[in-house]
Amino acid sequence: MEHLHVVAQGLISALGYDLASNVAAVKAGINSYQETNYVGPNHERYKAAFVPDEALPALEDTIATLPKLSERYKRLLQIAAPSVNNT
């Protein structure tokens, strides 16, 4: 059986920009859900919590300038970066 060793933790969400602030917000019962302009099949608005753009790290130029990388995928990479770069 192989073993997994966790050597670092990272997290970014609508509650905070690092693991410690997210944990503190959850423990305090804080949330940032709000109604969106997205409507579901039952014609009710979805609730969501978004990571603010200013909280996202910049992408490296080699990634940001890829011609076929949509803005949506760039945002996903920015959201994922703190979790994988926090070593």
C-alpha atoms as a PDB file:
ATOM      1  CA  MET A   1       0.000   0.000   0.000  1.00  0.00           C
ATOM      2  CA  GLU A   2       1.306   3.438  -0.920  1.00  0.00           C
ATOM      3  CA  HIS A   3       1.215   6.297   1.571  1.00  0.00           C
ATOM      4  CA  LEU A   4       0.111   9.848   0.951  1.00  0.00           C
ATOM      5  CA  HIS A   5       1.956  12.645   2.718  1.00  0.00           C
ATOM      6  CA  VAL A   6       0.290  16.053   2.853  1.00  0.00           C
ATOM      7  CA  VAL A   7       3.049  18.646   2.930  1.00  0.00           C
ATOM      8  CA  ALA A   8       1.036  21.840   2.458  1.00  0.00           C
ATOM      9  CA  GLN A   9      -2.489  23.186   2.386  1.00  0.00           C
ATOM     10  CA  GLY A  10      -4.028  25.931   0.342  1.00  0.00           C
ATOM     11  CA  LEU A  11      -7.534  27.221  -0.164  1.00  0.00           C
ATOM     12  CA  ILE A  12      -9.278  30.166  -1.753  1.00  0.00           C
ATOM     13  CA  SER A  13     -13.016  30.717  -1.610  1.00  0.00           C
ATOM     14  CA  ALA A  14     -15.605  33.430  -1.279  1.00  0.00           C
ATOM     15  CA  LEU A  15     -14.923  33.359   2.468  1.00  0.00           C
ATOM     16  CA  GLY A  16     -11.224  34.052   2.359  1.00  0.00           C
ATOM     17  CA  TYR A  17      -7.974  34.042   0.446  1.00  0.00           C
ATOM     18  CA  ASP A  18      -6.134  31.436   2.513  1.00  0.00           C
ATOM     19  CA  LEU A  19      -6.829  28.382   4.649  1.00  0.00           C
ATOM     20  CA  ALA A  20      -6.747  30.192   8.002  1.00  0.00           C
ATOM     21  CA  SER A  21      -9.298  32.850   7.001  1.00  0.00           C
ATOM     22  CA  ASN A  22     -11.632  30.208   5.548  1.00  0.00           C
ATOM     23  CA  VAL A  23     -11.473  28.134   8.732  1.00  0.00           C
ATOM     24  CA  ALA A  24     -12.146  31.214  10.870  1.00  0.00           C
ATOM     25  CA  ALA A  25     -15.135  32.230   8.715  1.00  0.00           C
ATOM     26  CA  VAL A  26     -16.668  28.750   8.860  1.00  0.00           C
ATOM     27  CA  LYS A  27     -16.186  28.544  12.635  1.00  0.00           C
ATOM     28  CA  ALA A  28     -17.852  31.953  12.996  1.00  0.00           C
ATOM     29  CA  GLY A  29     -20.810  30.864  10.862  1.00  0.00           C
ATOM     30  CA  ILE A  30     -20.071  33.407   8.145  1.00  0.00           C
ATOM     31  CA  ASN A  31     -21.172  32.828   4.555  1.00  0.00           C
ATOM     32  CA  SER A  32     -21.287  35.024   1.486  1.00  0.00           C
ATOM     33  CA  TYR A  33     -24.094  33.416  -0.502  1.00  0.00           C
ATOM     34  CA  GLN A  34     -26.318  35.749  -2.480  1.00  0.00           C
ATOM     35  CA  GLU A  35     -28.928  35.495  -5.185  1.00  0.00           C
ATOM     36  CA  THR A  36     -27.502  35.569  -8.698  1.00  0.00           C
ATOM     37  CA  ASN A  37     -28.949  36.444 -12.080  1.00  0.00           C
ATOM     38  CA  TYR A  38     -28.876  32.754 -12.993  1.00  0.00           C
ATOM     39  CA  VAL A  39     -32.307  31.161 -13.073  1.00  0.00           C
ATOM     40  CA  GLY A  40     -32.968  27.449 -12.733  1.00  0.00           C
ATOM     41  CA  PRO A  41     -35.553  25.306 -14.496  1.00  0.00           C
ATOM     42  CA  ASN A  42     -38.136  26.122 -11.795  1.00  0.00           C
ATOM     43  CA  HIS A  43     -37.619  29.872 -12.490  1.00  0.00           C
ATOM     44  CA  GLU A  44     -36.006  30.510  -9.120  1.00  0.00           C
ATOM     45  CA  ARG A  45     -32.727  32.367  -8.869  1.00  0.00           C
ATOM     46  CA  TYR A  46     -29.674  30.373  -7.875  1.00  0.00           C
ATOM     47  CA  LYS A  47     -27.712  31.350  -4.795  1.00  0.00           C
ATOM     48  CA  ALA A  48     -23.944  31.315  -5.057  1.00  0.00           C
ATOM     49  CA  ALA A  49     -20.784  32.628  -3.425  1.00  0.00           C
ATOM     50  CA  PHE A  50     -18.122  33.983  -5.782  1.00  0.00           C
ATOM     51  CA  VAL A  51     -14.414  34.539  -5.281  1.00  0.00           C
ATOM     52  CA  PRO A  52     -13.762  38.253  -5.969  1.00  0.00           C
ATOM     53  CA  ASP A  53     -11.539  38.949  -8.984  1.00  0.00           C
ATOM     54  CA  GLU A  54      -9.126  41.020  -6.899  1.00  0.00           C
ATOM     55  CA  ALA A  55      -8.442  37.984  -4.699  1.00  0.00           C
ATOM     56  CA  LEU A  56      -7.203  35.870  -7.591  1.00  0.00           C
ATOM     57  CA  PRO A  57      -3.469  35.581  -8.235  1.00  0.00           C
ATOM     58  CA  ALA A  58      -2.110  36.648 -11.601  1.00  0.00           C
ATOM     59  CA  LEU A  59      -1.368  33.914 -14.120  1.00  0.00           C
ATOM     60  CA  GLU A  60       2.145  33.453 -15.408  1.00  0.00           C
ATOM     61  CA  ASP A  61       2.624  35.032 -18.848  1.00  0.00           C
ATOM     62  CA  THR A  62       3.289  31.654 -20.453  1.00  0.00           C
ATOM     63  CA  ILE A  63      -0.187  30.516 -19.395  1.00  0.00           C
ATOM     64  CA  ALA A  64      -2.083  33.805 -19.710  1.00  0.00           C
ATOM     65  CA  THR A  65      -1.068  34.230 -23.356  1.00  0.00           C
ATOM     66  CA  LEU A  66      -2.094  30.778 -24.573  1.00  0.00           C
ATOM     67  CA  PRO A  67      -4.298  31.477 -27.608  1.00  0.00           C
ATOM     68  CA  LYS A  68      -6.976  28.840 -27.007  1.00  0.00           C
ATOM     69  CA  LEU A  69      -7.385  29.384 -23.270  1.00  0.00           C
ATOM     70  CA  SER A  70     -10.779  30.997 -22.600  1.00  0.00           C
ATOM     71  CA  GLU A  71     -11.337  33.558 -19.861  1.00  0.00           C
ATOM     72  CA  ARG A  72     -13.417  30.974 -18.018  1.00  0.00           C
ATOM     73  CA  TYR A  73     -10.521  28.494 -17.922  1.00  0.00           C
ATOM     74  CA  LYS A  74      -8.084  31.229 -16.926  1.00  0.00           C
ATOM     75  CA  ARG A  75     -10.314  32.044 -13.944  1.00  0.00           C
ATOM     76  CA  LEU A  76     -10.468  28.367 -12.970  1.00  0.00           C
ATOM     77  CA  LEU A  77      -6.671  28.178 -13.069  1.00  0.00           C
ATOM     78  CA  GLN A  78      -6.454  31.289 -10.901  1.00  0.00           C
ATOM     79  CA  ILE A  79      -8.854  29.773  -8.365  1.00  0.00           C
ATOM     80  CA  ALA A  80      -6.898  26.491  -8.290  1.00  0.00           C
ATOM     81  CA  ALA A  81      -3.439  28.084  -8.062  1.00  0.00           C
ATOM     82  CA  PRO A  82      -3.360  28.784  -4.290  1.00  0.00           C
ATOM     83  CA  SER A  83      -4.187  25.154  -3.550  1.00  0.00           C
ATOM     84  CA  VAL A  84      -1.355  23.742  -5.625  1.00  0.00           C
ATOM     85  CA  ASN A  85       1.251  26.493  -5.201  1.00  0.00           C
ATOM     86  CA  ASN A  86       1.185  26.684  -1.414  1.00  0.00           C
ATOM     87  CA  THR A  87       4.141  24.384  -0.764  1.00  0.00           C
END
